[in-house]
Amino acid sequence: MRTLYDVQQVLKQFGIYVYVGKRIWDIELMALELDRLYHEQVIDQPTFITCKLVLNREHELEKKKAGIIDG
């Protein structure tokens, strides 16, 4: 699992489809949904960690594209 599409496919297995309108918002909502699935013990830890790493990377890329700087 390496791409945002792969994470979307994991969520799709549980009937979760995310489209808010902005890619960065989609990524943030996907992260919340993953947290919920993990805390409900629906997905295992390796899947959760891998998905979160992909989402974190994609979120950082989107922030750079948008010129958002944490400070």
N, C-alpha and C. Protein backbone atom coordinates (compact mmCIF):
# COMPACT_ATOMS: atom_id res chain seq x y z
N MET A 1 0.85 -1.17 0.00
CA MET A 1 0.00 0.00 0.00
C MET A 1 0.89 1.23 0.00
N ARG A 2 0.72 2.03 -1.07
CA ARG A 2 1.62 3.17 -1.22
C ARG A 2 0.93 4.47 -1.60
N THR A 3 -0.30 4.39 -2.04
CA THR A 3 -0.95 5.59 -2.57
C THR A 3 -2.26 5.88 -1.85
N LEU A 4 -2.75 7.08 -2.08
CA LEU A 4 -4.04 7.48 -1.53
C LEU A 4 -5.15 6.57 -2.07
N TYR A 5 -5.01 6.17 -3.32
CA TYR A 5 -5.99 5.26 -3.91
C TYR A 5 -6.05 3.95 -3.13
N ASP A 6 -4.90 3.44 -2.70
CA ASP A 6 -4.87 2.20 -1.91
C ASP A 6 -5.63 2.37 -0.60
N VAL A 7 -5.46 3.52 0.04
CA VAL A 7 -6.18 3.80 1.29
C VAL A 7 -7.68 3.88 1.01
N GLN A 8 -8.05 4.51 -0.09
CA GLN A 8 -9.46 4.59 -0.47
C GLN A 8 -10.05 3.19 -0.65
N GLN A 9 -9.27 2.28 -1.20
CA GLN A 9 -9.75 0.91 -1.41
C GLN A 9 -9.97 0.18 -0.08
N VAL A 10 -9.11 0.45 0.90
CA VAL A 10 -9.30 -0.14 2.24
C VAL A 10 -10.61 0.37 2.83
N LEU A 11 -10.83 1.67 2.77
CA LEU A 11 -12.06 2.25 3.31
C LEU A 11 -13.29 1.74 2.56
N LYS A 12 -13.15 1.58 1.26
CA LYS A 12 -14.25 1.10 0.42
C LYS A 12 -14.72 -0.29 0.86
N GLN A 13 -13.81 -1.11 1.36
CA GLN A 13 -14.17 -2.46 1.83
C GLN A 13 -15.21 -2.40 2.95
N PHE A 14 -15.26 -1.27 3.65
CA PHE A 14 -16.18 -1.10 4.77
C PHE A 14 -17.32 -0.14 4.43
N GLY A 15 -17.47 0.13 3.14
CA GLY A 15 -18.57 0.98 2.70
C GLY A 15 -18.35 2.45 2.99
N ILE A 16 -17.09 2.86 3.13
CA ILE A 16 -16.77 4.25 3.42
C ILE A 16 -16.22 4.91 2.16
N TYR A 17 -16.96 5.88 1.66
CA TYR A 17 -16.55 6.65 0.49
C TYR A 17 -16.41 8.10 0.93
N VAL A 18 -15.25 8.70 0.68
CA VAL A 18 -14.99 10.06 1.13
C VAL A 18 -14.80 10.97 -0.07
N TYR A 19 -15.65 12.01 -0.13
CA TYR A 19 -15.44 13.08 -1.09
C TYR A 19 -16.05 14.35 -0.51
N VAL A 20 -15.19 15.24 -0.06
CA VAL A 20 -15.64 16.49 0.55
C VAL A 20 -15.54 17.63 -0.46
N GLY A 21 -14.58 17.55 -1.35
CA GLY A 21 -14.45 18.57 -2.37
C GLY A 21 -13.03 19.05 -2.55
N LYS A 22 -12.31 19.14 -1.46
CA LYS A 22 -10.90 19.51 -1.52
C LYS A 22 -10.09 18.29 -1.10
N ARG A 23 -9.03 18.03 -1.82
CA ARG A 23 -8.23 16.83 -1.55
C ARG A 23 -7.70 16.80 -0.12
N ILE A 24 -7.26 17.93 0.41
CA ILE A 24 -6.71 17.96 1.77
C ILE A 24 -7.80 17.62 2.79
N TRP A 25 -9.02 18.09 2.54
CA TRP A 25 -10.12 17.76 3.45
C TRP A 25 -10.47 16.28 3.35
N ASP A 26 -10.42 15.73 2.14
CA ASP A 26 -10.66 14.30 1.97
C ASP A 26 -9.66 13.48 2.78
N ILE A 27 -8.40 13.88 2.71
CA ILE A 27 -7.34 13.17 3.43
C ILE A 27 -7.59 13.22 4.94
N GLU A 28 -7.97 14.39 5.44
CA GLU A 28 -8.23 14.54 6.87
C GLU A 28 -9.41 13.68 7.31
N LEU A 29 -10.46 13.64 6.50
CA LEU A 29 -11.62 12.82 6.84
C LEU A 29 -11.29 11.33 6.77
N MET A 30 -10.49 10.94 5.79
CA MET A 30 -10.06 9.53 5.70
C MET A 30 -9.28 9.14 6.96
N ALA A 31 -8.44 10.03 7.46
CA ALA A 31 -7.68 9.75 8.68
C ALA A 31 -8.62 9.54 9.86
N LEU A 32 -9.65 10.36 9.96
CA LEU A 32 -10.63 10.19 11.04
C LEU A 32 -11.37 8.86 10.92
N GLU A 33 -11.74 8.50 9.72
CA GLU A 33 -12.44 7.23 9.50
C GLU A 33 -11.53 6.04 9.84
N LEU A 34 -10.26 6.14 9.47
CA LEU A 34 -9.31 5.07 9.81
C LEU A 34 -9.16 4.94 11.32
N ASP A 35 -9.07 6.08 12.01
CA ASP A 35 -8.98 6.05 13.48
C ASP A 35 -10.17 5.31 14.06
N ARG A 36 -11.35 5.63 13.55
CA ARG A 36 -12.57 4.99 14.05
C ARG A 36 -12.55 3.48 13.80
N LEU A 37 -12.16 3.08 12.61
CA LEU A 37 -12.10 1.65 12.30
C LEU A 37 -11.10 0.92 13.19
N TYR A 38 -9.96 1.56 13.44
CA TYR A 38 -8.94 0.92 14.27
C TYR A 38 -9.40 0.81 15.72
N HIS A 39 -9.99 1.87 16.25
CA HIS A 39 -10.44 1.84 17.64
C HIS A 39 -11.59 0.87 17.85
N GLU A 40 -12.35 0.62 16.81
CA GLU A 40 -13.42 -0.38 16.88
C GLU A 40 -12.90 -1.79 16.56
N GLN A 41 -11.59 -1.90 16.35
CA GLN A 41 -10.89 -3.16 16.07
C GLN A 41 -11.41 -3.84 14.80
N VAL A 42 -11.73 -3.03 13.80
CA VAL A 42 -12.18 -3.56 12.52
C VAL A 42 -10.99 -3.82 11.60
N ILE A 43 -9.95 -2.97 11.70
CA ILE A 43 -8.73 -3.18 10.92
C ILE A 43 -7.58 -3.47 11.86
N ASP A 44 -6.59 -4.20 11.37
CA ASP A 44 -5.45 -4.56 12.20
C ASP A 44 -4.43 -3.42 12.25
N GLN A 45 -3.50 -3.54 13.20
CA GLN A 45 -2.52 -2.48 13.41
C GLN A 45 -1.61 -2.23 12.21
N PRO A 46 -1.07 -3.27 11.55
CA PRO A 46 -0.21 -2.99 10.39
C PRO A 46 -0.94 -2.22 9.28
N THR A 47 -2.18 -2.58 9.01
CA THR A 47 -2.96 -1.87 8.00
C THR A 47 -3.18 -0.42 8.43
N PHE A 48 -3.54 -0.24 9.69
CA PHE A 48 -3.78 1.11 10.22
C PHE A 48 -2.54 1.98 10.09
N ILE A 49 -1.40 1.46 10.52
CA ILE A 49 -0.16 2.24 10.49
C ILE A 49 0.24 2.58 9.06
N THR A 50 0.15 1.60 8.18
CA THR A 50 0.51 1.85 6.78
C THR A 50 -0.39 2.92 6.16
N CYS A 51 -1.69 2.80 6.40
CA CYS A 51 -2.63 3.79 5.86
C CYS A 51 -2.35 5.18 6.43
N LYS A 52 -2.09 5.25 7.72
CA LYS A 52 -1.82 6.55 8.34
C LYS A 52 -0.55 7.18 7.78
N LEU A 53 0.46 6.38 7.53
CA LEU A 53 1.70 6.91 6.95
C LEU A 53 1.45 7.47 5.55
N VAL A 54 0.67 6.75 4.76
CA VAL A 54 0.34 7.22 3.41
C VAL A 54 -0.44 8.54 3.51
N LEU A 55 -1.43 8.59 4.41
CA LEU A 55 -2.23 9.80 4.55
C LEU A 55 -1.39 10.98 5.05
N ASN A 56 -0.48 10.72 5.99
CA ASN A 56 0.39 11.79 6.48
C ASN A 56 1.26 12.35 5.35
N ARG A 57 1.82 11.46 4.54
CA ARG A 57 2.65 11.91 3.42
C ARG A 57 1.82 12.73 2.43
N GLU A 58 0.65 12.23 2.08
CA GLU A 58 -0.21 12.94 1.13
C GLU A 58 -0.67 14.29 1.69
N HIS A 59 -0.93 14.33 2.99
CA HIS A 59 -1.36 15.58 3.62
C HIS A 59 -0.24 16.62 3.55
N GLU A 60 0.97 16.19 3.81
CA GLU A 60 2.12 17.11 3.73
C GLU A 60 2.31 17.62 2.30
N LEU A 61 2.16 16.74 1.33
CA LEU A 61 2.28 17.16 -0.07
C LEU A 61 1.22 18.20 -0.43
N GLU A 62 0.00 17.98 0.03
CA GLU A 62 -1.08 18.94 -0.25
C GLU A 62 -0.83 20.27 0.44
N LYS A 63 -0.30 20.23 1.65
CA LYS A 63 0.01 21.48 2.35
C LYS A 63 1.08 22.26 1.60
N LYS A 64 2.08 21.57 1.09
CA LYS A 64 3.13 22.24 0.32
C LYS A 64 2.57 22.86 -0.95
N LYS A 65 1.69 22.12 -1.63
CA LYS A 65 1.08 22.64 -2.86
C LYS A 65 0.24 23.88 -2.57
N ALA A 66 -0.43 23.88 -1.42
CA ALA A 66 -1.31 25.00 -1.08
C ALA A 66 -0.55 26.15 -0.41
N GLY A 67 0.71 25.91 -0.08
CA GLY A 67 1.51 26.94 0.58
C GLY A 67 1.18 27.11 2.04
N ILE A 68 0.65 26.07 2.67
CA ILE A 68 0.31 26.11 4.09
C ILE A 68 1.56 25.74 4.89
N ILE A 69 1.90 26.58 5.85
CA ILE A 69 3.09 26.35 6.65
C ILE A 69 2.68 26.24 8.11
N ASP A 70 3.09 25.14 8.77
CA ASP A 70 2.87 25.02 10.21
C ASP A 70 3.90 25.85 10.92
N GLY A 71 3.51 26.49 11.95
CA GLY A 71 4.50 27.31 12.59
C GLY A 71 4.20 27.56 13.97
